PDB file of N, CA and C in Angstrom:
ATOM      1  N   MET A   1     -70.884  -5.509   4.565  1.00  0.00           N
ATOM      2  CA  MET A   1     -71.924  -6.361   5.774  1.00  0.00           C
ATOM      3  C   MET A   1     -70.807  -6.519   6.654  1.00  0.00           C
ATOM      4  N   GLY A   2     -70.425  -7.850   5.919  1.00  0.00           N
ATOM      5  CA  GLY A   2     -69.136  -8.541   6.902  1.00  0.00           C
ATOM      6  C   GLY A   2     -68.469  -8.010   8.633  1.00  0.00           C
ATOM      7  N   SER A   3     -68.165  -6.814   7.346  1.00  0.00           N
ATOM      8  CA  SER A   3     -66.793  -5.938   7.918  1.00  0.00           C
ATOM      9  C   SER A   3     -67.658  -5.093   9.208  1.00  0.00           C
ATOM     10  N   LEU A   4     -68.095  -4.492   9.231  1.00  0.00           N
ATOM     11  CA  LEU A   4     -69.072  -4.691  10.205  1.00  0.00           C
ATOM     12  C   LEU A   4     -69.829  -4.390  11.465  1.00  0.00           C
ATOM     13  N   LEU A   5     -70.381  -5.505  10.778  1.00  0.00           N
ATOM     14  CA  LEU A   5     -70.883  -6.979  12.403  1.00  0.00           C
ATOM     15  C   LEU A   5     -69.713  -7.367  12.699  1.00  0.00           C
ATOM     16  N   ILE A   6     -68.260  -7.599  12.114  1.00  0.00           N
ATOM     17  CA  ILE A   6     -67.550  -8.181  12.970  1.00  0.00           C
ATOM     18  C   ILE A   6     -66.940  -6.832  13.622  1.00  0.00           C
ATOM     19  N   ARG A   7     -66.874  -5.771  13.032  1.00  0.00           N
ATOM     20  CA  ARG A   7     -66.276  -4.221  13.989  1.00  0.00           C
ATOM     21  C   ARG A   7     -68.244  -4.018  15.304  1.00  0.00           C
ATOM     22  N   LEU A   8     -68.806  -4.500  14.937  1.00  0.00           N
ATOM     23  CA  LEU A   8     -70.274  -4.567  15.515  1.00  0.00           C
ATOM     24  C   LEU A   8     -69.501  -5.156  16.911  1.00  0.00           C
ATOM     25  N   GLU A   9     -69.610  -6.672  17.010  1.00  0.00           N
ATOM     26  CA  GLU A   9     -68.908  -7.286  17.869  1.00  0.00           C
ATOM     27  C   GLU A   9     -67.630  -6.668  18.294  1.00  0.00           C
ATOM     28  N   ALA A  10     -66.578  -6.993  17.875  1.00  0.00           N
ATOM     29  CA  ALA A  10     -65.999  -5.789  18.758  1.00  0.00           C
ATOM     30  C   ALA A  10     -65.445  -5.213  19.753  1.00  0.00           C
ATOM     31  N   GLU A  11     -66.671  -4.101  19.193  1.00  0.00           N
ATOM     32  CA  GLU A  11     -67.319  -3.278  20.311  1.00  0.00           C
ATOM     33  C   GLU A  11     -67.893  -3.330  20.972  1.00  0.00           C
ATOM     34  N   GLN A  12     -68.539  -4.866  20.736  1.00  0.00           N
ATOM     35  CA  GLN A  12     -69.379  -4.946  22.582  1.00  0.00           C
ATOM     36  C   GLN A  12     -69.379  -5.626  23.039  1.00  0.00           C
ATOM     37  N   GLU A  13     -67.725  -6.434  23.078  1.00  0.00           N
ATOM     38  CA  GLU A  13     -66.797  -7.797  23.489  1.00  0.00           C
ATOM     39  C   GLU A  13     -65.933  -6.572  24.174  1.00  0.00           C
ATOM     40  N   ILE A  14     -65.602  -5.345  23.446  1.00  0.00           N
ATOM     41  CA  ILE A  14     -65.362  -3.912  24.287  1.00  0.00           C
ATOM     42  C   ILE A  14     -65.630  -3.775  25.773  1.00  0.00           C
ATOM     43  N   LYS A  15     -67.192  -3.321  25.189  1.00  0.00           N
ATOM     44  CA  LYS A  15     -67.584  -2.417  25.744  1.00  0.00           C
ATOM     45  C   LYS A  15     -68.180  -3.749  27.523  1.00  0.00           C
ATOM     46  N   GLU A  16     -68.164  -4.140  27.109  1.00  0.00           N
ATOM     47  CA  GLU A  16     -68.786  -6.069  28.363  1.00  0.00           C
ATOM     48  C   GLU A  16     -66.800  -5.943  29.036  1.00  0.00           C
ATOM     49  N   GLN A  17     -66.029  -5.679  28.809  1.00  0.00           N
ATOM     50  CA  GLN A  17     -64.508  -5.753  28.976  1.00  0.00           C
ATOM     51  C   GLN A  17     -64.882  -5.035  30.308  1.00  0.00           C
ATOM     52  N   GLN A  18     -65.192  -3.738  29.508  1.00  0.00           N
ATOM     53  CA  GLN A  18     -64.718  -2.150  30.422  1.00  0.00           C
ATOM     54  C   GLN A  18     -66.156  -2.554  31.882  1.00  0.00           C
ATOM     55  N   ALA A  19     -67.206  -2.858  31.770  1.00  0.00           N
ATOM     56  CA  ALA A  19     -68.230  -2.978  32.394  1.00  0.00           C
ATOM     57  C   ALA A  19     -67.537  -4.367  33.096  1.00  0.00           C
ATOM     58  N   LEU A  20     -67.283  -5.340  33.384  1.00  0.00           N
ATOM     59  CA  LEU A  20     -66.496  -5.882  33.837  1.00  0.00           C
ATOM     60  C   LEU A  20     -64.883  -5.492  34.557  1.00  0.00           C
ATOM     61  N   GLN A  21     -64.281  -4.495  33.920  1.00  0.00           N
ATOM     62  CA  GLN A  21     -63.439  -4.098  35.117  1.00  0.00           C
ATOM     63  C   GLN A  21     -63.914  -2.877  35.588  1.00  0.00           C
ATOM     64  N   PHE A  22     -64.673  -2.577  36.009  1.00  0.00           N
ATOM     65  CA  PHE A  22     -65.566  -1.675  36.013  1.00  0.00           C
ATOM     66  C   PHE A  22     -66.331  -2.503  37.605  1.00  0.00           C
ATOM     67  N   LYS A  23     -66.917  -3.115  37.509  1.00  0.00           N
ATOM     68  CA  LYS A  23     -67.319  -3.882  38.771  1.00  0.00           C
ATOM     69  C   LYS A  23     -66.050  -4.940  39.365  1.00  0.00           C
ATOM     70  N   MET A  24     -64.756  -5.423  39.028  1.00  0.00           N
ATOM     71  CA  MET A  24     -64.283  -5.677  39.877  1.00  0.00           C
ATOM     72  C   MET A  24     -63.978  -4.748  40.500  1.00  0.00           C
ATOM     73  N   ARG A  25     -63.335  -2.907  40.140  1.00  0.00           N
ATOM     74  CA  ARG A  25     -62.757  -2.582  40.666  1.00  0.00           C
ATOM     75  C   ARG A  25     -63.430  -2.248  41.932  1.00  0.00           C
ATOM     76  N   MET A  26     -64.664  -1.362  41.423  1.00  0.00           N
ATOM     77  CA  MET A  26     -65.729  -1.628  42.869  1.00  0.00           C
ATOM     78  C   MET A  26     -66.023  -2.921  43.773  1.00  0.00           C
ATOM     79  N   LEU A  27     -65.605  -4.294  43.172  1.00  0.00           N
ATOM     80  CA  LEU A  27     -65.725  -5.565  44.441  1.00  0.00           C
ATOM     81  C   LEU A  27     -64.506  -4.931  45.066  1.00  0.00           C
ATOM     82  N   LEU A  28     -63.289  -4.881  44.462  1.00  0.00           N
ATOM     83  CA  LEU A  28     -61.767  -4.898  44.882  1.00  0.00           C
ATOM     84  C   LEU A  28     -61.519  -3.355  46.089  1.00  0.00           C
ATOM     85  N   ILE A  29     -62.626  -1.972  45.976  1.00  0.00           N
ATOM     86  CA  ILE A  29     -62.712  -1.532  46.349  1.00  0.00           C
ATOM     87  C   ILE A  29     -63.646  -1.775  48.094  1.00  0.00           C
ATOM     88  N   SER A  30     -64.679  -2.203  47.902  1.00  0.00           N
ATOM     89  CA  SER A  30     -65.262  -2.881  48.803  1.00  0.00           C
ATOM     90  C   SER A  30     -64.704  -3.663  49.583  1.00  0.00           C
ATOM     91  N   LEU A  31     -64.085  -4.156  48.960  1.00  0.00           N
ATOM     92  CA  LEU A  31     -63.591  -5.086  50.196  1.00  0.00           C
ATOM     93  C   LEU A  31     -61.919  -4.842  50.886  1.00  0.00           C
ATOM     94  N   ALA A  32     -61.085  -3.925  50.342  1.00  0.00           N
ATOM     95  CA  ALA A  32     -60.346  -3.454  50.470  1.00  0.00           C
ATOM     96  C   ALA A  32     -60.903  -1.853  51.750  1.00  0.00           C
ATOM     97  N   ASN A  33     -62.162  -1.687  51.392  1.00  0.00           N
ATOM     98  CA  ASN A  33     -62.664  -1.066  52.597  1.00  0.00           C
ATOM     99  C   ASN A  33     -63.145  -1.422  53.970  1.00  0.00           C
ATOM    100  N   TRP A  34     -63.660  -2.605  53.213  1.00  0.00           N
ATOM    101  CA  TRP A  34     -64.164  -3.734  54.588  1.00  0.00           C
ATOM    102  C   TRP A  34     -63.157  -4.491  55.566  1.00  0.00           C
ATOM    103  N   PHE A  35     -61.582  -4.580  54.690  1.00  0.00           N
ATOM    104  CA  PHE A  35     -60.039  -4.987  55.643  1.00  0.00           C
ATOM    105  C   PHE A  35     -60.181  -3.432  56.276  1.00  0.00           C
ATOM    106  N   ILE A  36     -60.401  -2.450  55.949  1.00  0.00           N
ATOM    107  CA  ILE A  36     -59.777  -1.858  56.403  1.00  0.00           C
ATOM    108  C   ILE A  36     -60.470  -1.384  57.960  1.00  0.00           C
ATOM    109  N   ALA A  37     -62.005  -1.700  57.596  1.00  0.00           N
ATOM    110  CA  ALA A  37     -63.051  -1.014  59.071  1.00  0.00           C
ATOM    111  C   ALA A  37     -62.796  -2.244  59.900  1.00  0.00           C
ATOM    112  N   LEU A  38     -61.896  -4.133  59.483  1.00  0.00           N
ATOM    113  CA  LEU A  38     -61.860  -5.155  60.147  1.00  0.00           C
ATOM    114  C   LEU A  38     -60.781  -4.583  60.950  1.00  0.00           C
ATOM    115  N   ARG A  39     -59.703  -3.586  60.307  1.00  0.00           N
ATOM    116  CA  ARG A  39     -58.069  -3.739  61.190  1.00  0.00           C
ATOM    117  C   ARG A  39     -59.196  -2.638  62.030  1.00  0.00           C
ATOM    118  N   ASN A  40     -59.813  -1.251  61.727  1.00  0.00           N
ATOM    119  CA  ASN A  40     -59.655  -0.495  62.698  1.00  0.00           C
ATOM    120  C   ASN A  40     -60.937  -1.085  63.934  1.00  0.00           C
ATOM    121  N   GLN A  41     -62.038  -2.159  63.596  1.00  0.00           N
ATOM    122  CA  GLN A  41     -62.577  -2.923  64.964  1.00  0.00           C
ATOM    123  C   GLN A  41     -61.724  -3.844  65.598  1.00  0.00           C
ATOM    124  N   LEU A  42     -60.705  -3.807  64.981  1.00  0.00           N
ATOM    125  CA  LEU A  42     -59.989  -4.731  65.717  1.00  0.00           C
ATOM    126  C   LEU A  42     -59.201  -3.533  66.537  1.00  0.00           C
ATOM    127  N   GLY A  43     -58.745  -2.638  66.221  1.00  0.00           N
ATOM    128  CA  GLY A  43     -58.465  -1.570  68.011  1.00  0.00           C
ATOM    129  C   GLY A  43     -56.767  -1.539  66.781  1.00  0.00           C
ATOM    130  N   TYR A  44     -56.472  -2.159  65.896  1.00  0.00           N
ATOM    131  CA  TYR A  44     -54.969  -2.187  65.617  1.00  0.00           C
ATOM    132  C   TYR A  44     -54.717  -0.577  64.616  1.00  0.00           C
ATOM    133  N   ASP A  45     -53.041  -0.203  65.505  1.00  0.00           N
ATOM    134  CA  ASP A  45     -52.636   0.654  64.058  1.00  0.00           C
ATOM    135  C   ASP A  45     -52.613   0.017  63.162  1.00  0.00           C
ATOM    136  N   ASP A  46     -53.058   1.404  62.512  1.00  0.00           N
ATOM    137  CA  ASP A  46     -52.794   1.341  60.418  1.00  0.00           C
ATOM    138  C   ASP A  46     -50.694   0.306  59.972  1.00  0.00           C
ATOM    139  N   TYR A  47     -50.240   1.233  61.243  1.00  0.00           N
ATOM    140  CA  TYR A  47     -48.777   0.152  60.694  1.00  0.00           C
ATOM    141  C   TYR A  47     -48.529  -0.565  62.382  1.00  0.00           C
ATOM    142  N   SER A  48     -48.891  -1.049  62.968  1.00  0.00           N
ATOM    143  CA  SER A  48     -48.655  -2.331  64.491  1.00  0.00           C
ATOM    144  C   SER A  48     -48.204  -3.925  63.003  1.00  0.00           C
ATOM    145  N   ASN A  49     -48.177  -3.425  64.247  1.00  0.00           N
ATOM    146  CA  ASN A  49     -47.177  -5.493  63.712  1.00  0.00           C
ATOM    147  C   ASN A  49     -48.618  -6.081  63.615  1.00  0.00           C
ATOM    148  N   GLU A  50     -49.661  -6.394  64.862  1.00  0.00           N
ATOM    149  CA  GLU A  50     -50.581  -6.609  64.172  1.00  0.00           C
ATOM    150  C   GLU A  50     -51.552  -6.812  63.316  1.00  0.00           C
ATOM    151  N   ALA A  51     -50.951  -5.422  62.841  1.00  0.00           N
ATOM    152  CA  ALA A  51     -52.111  -4.719  61.101  1.00  0.00           C
ATOM    153  C   ALA A  51     -51.577  -5.502  60.155  1.00  0.00           C
ATOM    154  N   LYS A  52     -50.371  -5.398  60.395  1.00  0.00           N
ATOM    155  CA  LYS A  52     -49.400  -5.905  59.617  1.00  0.00           C
ATOM    156  C   LYS A  52     -49.538  -7.244  59.414  1.00  0.00           C
ATOM    157  N   ASN A  53     -49.344  -8.806  60.053  1.00  0.00           N
ATOM    158  CA  ASN A  53     -49.636  -9.621  60.008  1.00  0.00           C
ATOM    159  C   ASN A  53     -50.833  -9.788  59.738  1.00  0.00           C
ATOM    160  N   LEU A  54     -52.022  -9.014  60.521  1.00  0.00           N
ATOM    161  CA  LEU A  54     -53.364  -9.298  59.809  1.00  0.00           C
ATOM    162  C   LEU A  54     -53.445  -9.170  58.486  1.00  0.00           C
ATOM    163  N   GLU A  55     -52.716  -8.266  57.619  1.00  0.00           N
ATOM    164  CA  GLU A  55     -53.252  -8.070  56.338  1.00  0.00           C
ATOM    165  C   GLU A  55     -52.315  -9.151  55.127  1.00  0.00           C
ATOM    166  N   PHE A  56     -51.318  -9.606  56.049  1.00  0.00           N
ATOM    167  CA  PHE A  56     -50.050 -10.323  55.301  1.00  0.00           C
ATOM    168  C   PHE A  56     -51.165 -11.815  55.086  1.00  0.00           C
ATOM    169  N   THR A  57     -51.933 -11.525  56.379  1.00  0.00           N
ATOM    170  CA  THR A  57     -52.612 -13.543  56.380  1.00  0.00           C
ATOM    171  C   THR A  57     -54.083 -12.989  55.659  1.00  0.00           C
ATOM    172  N   PHE A  58     -54.296 -11.991  55.561  1.00  0.00           N
ATOM    173  CA  PHE A  58     -55.450 -11.371  54.402  1.00  0.00           C
ATOM    174  C   PHE A  58     -54.854 -11.555  53.016  1.00  0.00           C
ATOM    175  N   LEU A  59     -54.740 -10.954  53.033  1.00  0.00           N
ATOM    176  CA  LEU A  59     -53.805 -10.655  51.647  1.00  0.00           C
ATOM    177  C   LEU A  59     -53.723 -12.307  50.697  1.00  0.00           C
ATOM    178  N   GLN A  60     -52.644 -13.153  51.405  1.00  0.00           N
ATOM    179  CA  GLN A  60     -52.032 -14.213  51.245  1.00  0.00           C
ATOM    180  C   GLN A  60     -53.415 -15.666  51.195  1.00  0.00           C
ATOM    181  N   GLY A  61     -54.308 -15.146  52.298  1.00  0.00           N
ATOM    182  CA  GLY A  61     -55.615 -16.238  51.832  1.00  0.00           C
ATOM    183  C   GLY A  61     -56.752 -16.377  50.472  1.00  0.00           C
ATOM    184  N   LEU A  62     -56.298 -14.760  50.239  1.00  0.00           N
ATOM    185  CA  LEU A  62     -57.395 -14.567  49.241  1.00  0.00           C
ATOM    186  C   LEU A  62     -56.512 -14.869  47.543  1.00  0.00           C
ATOM    187  N   TYR A  63     -55.174 -14.413  47.818  1.00  0.00           N
ATOM    188  CA  TYR A  63     -53.988 -14.663  46.673  1.00  0.00           C
ATOM    189  C   TYR A  63     -54.536 -15.821  46.428  1.00  0.00           C
ATOM    190  N   GLU A  64     -54.121 -17.261  47.713  1.00  0.00           N
ATOM    191  CA  GLU A  64     -54.838 -18.353  47.483  1.00  0.00           C
ATOM    192  C   GLU A  64     -55.577 -19.181  47.018  1.00  0.00           C
ATOM    193  N   THR A  65     -57.152 -18.212  47.082  1.00  0.00           N
ATOM    194  CA  THR A  65     -57.768 -18.527  47.100  1.00  0.00           C
ATOM    195  C   THR A  65     -58.345 -18.440  45.532  1.00  0.00           C
ATOM    196  N   VAL A  66     -58.113 -17.380  44.695  1.00  0.00           N
ATOM    197  CA  VAL A  66     -58.011 -16.835  43.091  1.00  0.00           C
ATOM    198  C   VAL A  66     -57.184 -17.457  42.886  1.00  0.00           C
ATOM    199  N   SER A  67     -55.884 -17.583  43.305  1.00  0.00           N
ATOM    200  CA  SER A  67     -54.790 -18.813  42.520  1.00  0.00           C
ATOM    201  C   SER A  67     -55.201 -20.007  41.846  1.00  0.00           C
ATOM    202  N   ALA A  68     -55.945 -20.689  43.741  1.00  0.00           N
ATOM    203  CA  ALA A  68     -56.252 -21.614  43.224  1.00  0.00           C
ATOM    204  C   ALA A  68     -57.381 -22.221  41.758  1.00  0.00           C
ATOM    205  N   ASN A  69     -58.305 -21.294  41.792  1.00  0.00           N
ATOM    206  CA  ASN A  69     -59.877 -20.889  41.125  1.00  0.00           C
ATOM    207  C   ASN A  69     -59.156 -20.439  39.400  1.00  0.00           C
ATOM    208  N   LEU A  70     -58.211 -20.064  39.489  1.00  0.00           N
ATOM    209  CA  LEU A  70     -57.196 -19.075  37.874  1.00  0.00           C
ATOM    210  C   LEU A  70     -56.907 -20.548  37.696  1.00  0.00           C
ATOM    211  N   GLN A  71     -56.105 -21.177  38.527  1.00  0.00           N
ATOM    212  CA  GLN A  71     -55.218 -22.570  38.463  1.00  0.00           C
ATOM    213  C   GLN A  71     -56.453 -23.732  37.974  1.00  0.00           C
ATOM    214  N   SER A  72     -57.225 -24.009  38.583  1.00  0.00           N
ATOM    215  CA  SER A  72     -58.268 -24.436  37.601  1.00  0.00           C
ATOM    216  C   SER A  72     -58.226 -24.538  36.561  1.00  0.00           C
ATOM    217  N   LEU A  73     -58.415 -23.422  35.858  1.00  0.00           N
ATOM    218  CA  LEU A  73     -58.761 -22.646  34.633  1.00  0.00           C
ATOM    219  C   LEU A  73     -57.819 -23.349  34.018  1.00  0.00           C
ATOM    220  N   GLY A  74     -56.962 -22.831  33.943  1.00  0.00           N
ATOM    221  CA  GLY A  74     -55.463 -23.290  33.073  1.00  0.00           C
ATOM    222  C   GLY A  74     -53.833 -22.670  33.459  1.00  0.00           C
ATOM    223  N   TYR A  75     -54.082 -21.638  33.925  1.00  0.00           N
ATOM    224  CA  TYR A  75     -53.238 -20.703  34.161  1.00  0.00           C
ATOM    225  C   TYR A  75     -51.891 -21.040  35.592  1.00  0.00           C
ATOM    226  N   PRO A  76     -51.460 -21.056  35.306  1.00  0.00           N
ATOM    227  CA  PRO A  76     -50.075 -21.013  35.408  1.00  0.00           C
ATOM    228  C   PRO A  76     -50.183 -20.947  37.278  1.00  0.00           C
ATOM    229  N   LYS A  77     -49.501 -21.906  38.555  1.00  0.00           N
ATOM    230  CA  LYS A  77     -49.336 -21.805  39.643  1.00  0.00           C
ATOM    231  C   LYS A  77     -48.628 -20.728  40.174  1.00  0.00           C
ATOM    232  N   ARG A  78     -48.924 -19.769  40.671  1.00  0.00           N
ATOM    233  CA  ARG A  78     -47.257 -18.595  41.071  1.00  0.00           C
ATOM    234  C   ARG A  78     -47.846 -18.426  42.612  1.00  0.00           C
ATOM    235  N   ASP A  79     -46.184 -18.505  43.359  1.00  0.00           N
ATOM    236  CA  ASP A  79     -47.203 -17.705  44.822  1.00  0.00           C
ATOM    237  C   ASP A  79     -46.922 -16.657  45.302  1.00  0.00           C
ATOM    238  N   PHE A  80     -47.737 -16.613  46.305  1.00  0.00           N
ATOM    239  CA  PHE A  80     -47.651 -15.323  46.934  1.00  0.00           C
ATOM    240  C   PHE A  80     -46.827 -14.720  47.592  1.00  0.00           C
ATOM    241  N   ASP A  81     -46.464 -13.566  46.605  1.00  0.00           N
ATOM    242  CA  ASP A  81     -45.753 -12.141  46.617  1.00  0.00           C
ATOM    243  C   ASP A  81     -46.567 -10.521  47.096  1.00  0.00           C
ATOM    244  N   PRO A  82     -45.714 -10.865  48.715  1.00  0.00           N
ATOM    245  CA  PRO A  82     -45.940  -9.609  48.731  1.00  0.00           C
ATOM    246  C   PRO A  82     -45.805  -8.589  48.470  1.00  0.00           C
ATOM    247  N   ASP A  83     -44.907  -8.936  47.938  1.00  0.00           N
ATOM    248  CA  ASP A  83     -44.899  -6.726  46.691  1.00  0.00           C
ATOM    249  C   ASP A  83     -45.866  -6.834  45.743  1.00  0.00           C
ATOM    250  N   ASP A  84     -46.183  -8.191  45.326  1.00  0.00           N
ATOM    251  CA  ASP A  84     -47.601  -8.041  44.370  1.00  0.00           C
ATOM    252  C   ASP A  84     -48.169  -6.691  44.604  1.00  0.00           C
ATOM    253  N   PHE A  85     -48.483  -6.671  46.563  1.00  0.00           N
ATOM    254  CA  PHE A  85     -49.476  -5.970  46.091  1.00  0.00           C
ATOM    255  C   PHE A  85     -49.172  -4.678  47.054  1.00  0.00           C
ATOM    256  N   GLY A  86     -47.463  -3.568  46.242  1.00  0.00           N
ATOM    257  CA  GLY A  86     -47.610  -2.691  46.592  1.00  0.00           C
ATOM    258  C   GLY A  86     -46.208  -2.865  47.560  1.00  0.00           C
ATOM    259  N   GLY A  87     -45.917  -3.419  47.636  1.00  0.00           N
ATOM    260  CA  GLY A  87     -44.209  -3.818  48.228  1.00  0.00           C
ATOM    261  C   GLY A  87     -44.793  -4.353  50.148  1.00  0.00           C
ATOM    262  N   SER A  88     -43.677  -3.463  51.026  1.00  0.00           N
ATOM    263  CA  SER A  88     -43.398  -4.275  52.645  1.00  0.00           C
ATOM    264  C   SER A  88     -43.566  -3.034  52.444  1.00  0.00           C
ATOM    265  N   ASN A  89     -42.977  -1.823  52.420  1.00  0.00           N
ATOM    266  CA  ASN A  89     -43.342  -0.493  53.099  1.00  0.00           C
ATOM    267  C   ASN A  89     -43.793   0.227  52.233  1.00  0.00           C
ATOM    268  N   ASN A  90     -45.133  -0.045  51.454  1.00  0.00           N
ATOM    269  CA  ASN A  90     -45.936   0.992  51.811  1.00  0.00           C
ATOM    270  C   ASN A  90     -47.904   0.171  51.229  1.00  0.00           C
ATOM    271  N   ILE A  91     -47.857  -0.568  52.636  1.00  0.00           N
ATOM    272  CA  ILE A  91     -49.435  -1.132  51.921  1.00  0.00           C
ATOM    273  C   ILE A  91     -50.243  -0.805  52.894  1.00  0.00           C
ATOM    274  N   TYR A  92     -49.627  -0.670  53.452  1.00  0.00           N
ATOM    275  CA  TYR A  92     -51.125   0.353  54.997  1.00  0.00           C
ATOM    276  C   TYR A  92     -51.099   1.214  54.551  1.00  0.00           C
ATOM    277  N   ASP A  93     -51.440   2.419  53.693  1.00  0.00           N
ATOM    278  CA  ASP A  93     -51.654   3.410  53.971  1.00  0.00           C
ATOM    279  C   ASP A  93     -53.173   3.835  53.712  1.00  0.00           C
ATOM    280  N   ASN A  94     -54.300   2.961  54.505  1.00  0.00           N
ATOM    281  CA  ASN A  94     -55.578   3.425  53.969  1.00  0.00           C
ATOM    282  C   ASN A  94     -55.941   4.169  52.866  1.00  0.00           C
ATOM    283  N   GLN A  95     -55.779   3.454  51.462  1.00  0.00           N
ATOM    284  CA  GLN A  95     -56.460   3.570  50.215  1.00  0.00           C
ATOM    285  C   GLN A  95     -56.056   2.382  49.472  1.00  0.00           C
ATOM    286  N   ALA A  96     -56.920   2.289  48.535  1.00  0.00           N
ATOM    287  CA  ALA A  96     -56.780   1.533  47.302  1.00  0.00           C
ATOM    288  C   ALA A  96     -56.376   1.842  46.100  1.00  0.00           C
ATOM    289  N   HIS A  97     -55.358   1.190  45.822  1.00  0.00           N
ATOM    290  CA  HIS A  97     -54.091   1.698  44.355  1.00  0.00           C
ATOM    291  C   HIS A  97     -54.546   0.604  43.331  1.00  0.00           C
ATOM    292  N   PHE A  98     -54.714   0.759  42.761  1.00  0.00           N
ATOM    293  CA  PHE A  98     -55.512   0.219  41.065  1.00  0.00           C
ATOM    294  C   PHE A  98     -54.709   0.654  40.296  1.00  0.00           C
ATOM    295  N   PRO A  99     -54.403  -0.374  39.369  1.00  0.00           N
ATOM    296  CA  PRO A  99     -53.539   0.589  38.014  1.00  0.00           C
ATOM    297  C   PRO A  99     -54.978   1.083  37.174  1.00  0.00           C
ATOM    298  N   GLU A 100     -54.219   1.501  36.333  1.00  0.00           N
ATOM    299  CA  GLU A 100     -55.292   2.205  35.578  1.00  0.00           C
ATOM    300  C   GLU A 100     -55.446   1.260  34.697  1.00  0.00           C
TER     301      GLU A 100
END
């Protein structure tokens, strides 16, 4: 009976993690779409210097906010690196890419 309970708890935890991952993915897609709409409303071309600067500033601010929150939970601080977001040559392609 005990092993069955442990297995059921593990399965429930996996389902909760999958649900959280799905919510995070949807949030990131919404955020990416919001950013693209902002860039378009400002009239910036996809690959212009203005768009690159806007995206870099946006990602850096978002990264620093998340990093500060994670650091308060005990995770180590890590500096912002644009390459974490797909590299400097590939981050302006109007598609949100997320790891599977």
